[in-house]
Amino acid sequence: MRKEAVERRTVVHGQDDPRVVELHRAVTRLRRELAGYRACLADRAIAEEELAAVDAMVRAGEPEVARLRHSLLLIAGAIGSVSALAEALGEVRNAVELFGRPVR
């Protein structure tokens, strides 16, 4: 019976890694706040696509640091200096920083 329960359980890679948990939380918040921001943003689609890509990396396991940093740059560039989104964007940046520098 125990074997059956284990087979049905969904395991998310990296779920115990606090960096992954924090990144997921930060991305979720920024996605929610971006969706609620109704003013016109010329590059909104780019920000939404990159946030979705980061979220997919998080769900798949430990994300690649270089790809995270690239996505962060695209998101920041797409959002620009929208003060209403600055705090949530800062949280994503801080969460990406938890992963350190890319390995060369």
Protein backbone atom coordinates (compact mmCIF):
# COMPACT_ATOMS: atom_id res chain seq x y z
CA MET A 1 0.00 0.00 0.00
CA ARG A 2 2.82 2.40 0.79
CA LYS A 3 4.34 1.80 -2.64
CA GLU A 4 1.08 2.86 -4.26
CA ALA A 5 1.00 6.14 -2.35
CA VAL A 6 4.59 6.93 -3.34
CA GLU A 7 3.88 6.29 -7.01
CA ARG A 8 0.96 8.75 -7.01
CA ARG A 9 2.83 11.52 -5.23
CA THR A 10 4.05 14.35 -7.43
CA VAL A 11 7.60 15.36 -6.71
CA VAL A 12 8.78 18.78 -7.78
CA HIS A 13 12.53 18.88 -8.37
CA GLY A 14 14.23 21.37 -6.13
CA GLN A 15 11.19 21.73 -3.88
CA ASP A 16 13.42 21.57 -0.82
CA ASP A 17 15.85 24.16 -2.18
CA PRO A 18 14.97 27.50 -0.57
CA ARG A 19 16.39 29.35 -3.60
CA VAL A 20 13.93 27.61 -5.90
CA VAL A 21 11.05 28.26 -3.51
CA GLU A 22 11.95 31.96 -3.26
CA LEU A 23 12.34 32.34 -7.02
CA HIS A 24 8.98 30.68 -7.63
CA ARG A 25 7.32 32.97 -5.07
CA ALA A 26 8.91 36.10 -6.56
CA VAL A 27 8.03 35.17 -10.15
CA THR A 28 4.45 34.37 -9.15
CA ARG A 29 4.10 37.76 -7.45
CA LEU A 30 5.52 39.69 -10.42
CA ARG A 31 3.32 37.78 -12.88
CA ARG A 32 0.27 38.60 -10.75
CA GLU A 33 1.18 42.28 -10.43
CA LEU A 34 2.00 42.58 -14.13
CA ALA A 35 -1.38 41.07 -15.00
CA GLY A 36 -3.07 43.61 -12.75
CA TYR A 37 -1.15 46.56 -14.21
CA ARG A 38 -3.52 47.90 -16.83
CA ALA A 39 -1.45 50.73 -18.29
CA CYS A 40 0.05 50.17 -21.72
CA LEU A 41 3.46 48.52 -21.72
CA ALA A 42 4.97 48.19 -25.17
CA ASP A 43 6.96 45.09 -24.22
CA ARG A 44 4.46 43.45 -21.87
CA ALA A 45 4.41 40.26 -23.97
CA ILE A 46 8.18 39.91 -23.65
CA ALA A 47 8.01 40.25 -19.86
CA GLU A 48 5.15 37.74 -19.66
CA GLU A 49 6.98 35.24 -21.89
CA GLU A 50 10.19 35.47 -19.89
CA LEU A 51 8.36 35.16 -16.59
CA ALA A 52 6.65 32.04 -17.95
CA ALA A 53 10.03 30.68 -19.07
CA VAL A 54 11.56 31.27 -15.62
CA ASP A 55 8.55 29.65 -13.98
CA ALA A 56 8.95 26.62 -16.26
CA MET A 57 12.66 26.36 -15.34
CA VAL A 58 11.76 26.49 -11.67
CA ARG A 59 9.16 23.76 -12.04
CA ALA A 60 11.57 21.55 -13.98
CA GLY A 61 14.30 21.67 -11.34
CA GLU A 62 17.28 23.81 -10.51
CA PRO A 63 17.40 26.55 -13.14
CA GLU A 64 20.48 27.40 -15.19
CA VAL A 65 22.04 30.56 -13.73
CA ALA A 66 23.09 32.11 -17.06
CA ARG A 67 19.58 31.64 -18.47
CA LEU A 68 18.02 33.11 -15.32
CA ARG A 69 20.20 36.21 -15.58
CA HIS A 70 19.37 36.62 -19.26
CA SER A 71 15.65 36.34 -18.52
CA LEU A 72 15.99 38.87 -15.71
CA LEU A 73 17.58 41.38 -18.08
CA LEU A 74 14.78 40.90 -20.61
CA ILE A 75 12.10 41.25 -17.94
CA ALA A 76 13.69 44.37 -16.47
CA GLY A 77 14.08 45.89 -19.93
CA ALA A 78 10.47 45.10 -20.84
CA ILE A 79 9.04 46.51 -17.63
CA GLY A 80 11.34 49.51 -17.66
CA SER A 81 11.02 51.93 -14.78
CA VAL A 82 7.39 51.24 -13.86
CA SER A 83 7.42 52.13 -10.19
CA ALA A 84 4.27 50.08 -9.51
CA LEU A 85 6.20 46.93 -10.43
CA ALA A 86 9.61 47.89 -9.02
CA GLU A 87 9.28 46.06 -5.68
CA ALA A 88 8.12 42.81 -7.27
CA LEU A 89 10.86 43.05 -9.91
CA GLY A 90 13.40 43.62 -7.15
CA GLU A 91 12.25 40.44 -5.45
CA VAL A 92 12.82 38.48 -8.67
CA ARG A 93 16.28 40.03 -8.99
CA ASN A 94 17.12 39.13 -5.39
CA ALA A 95 15.88 35.57 -5.92
CA VAL A 96 18.03 35.19 -9.05
CA GLU A 97 21.04 36.47 -7.09
CA LEU A 98 20.58 33.58 -4.64
CA PHE A 99 21.79 31.23 -7.38
CA GLY A 100 25.15 33.03 -7.65
CA ARG A 101 27.21 33.68 -10.73
CA PRO A 102 27.04 31.49 -13.84
CA VAL A 103 29.77 28.85 -14.15
CA ARG A 104 32.08 29.52 -17.06
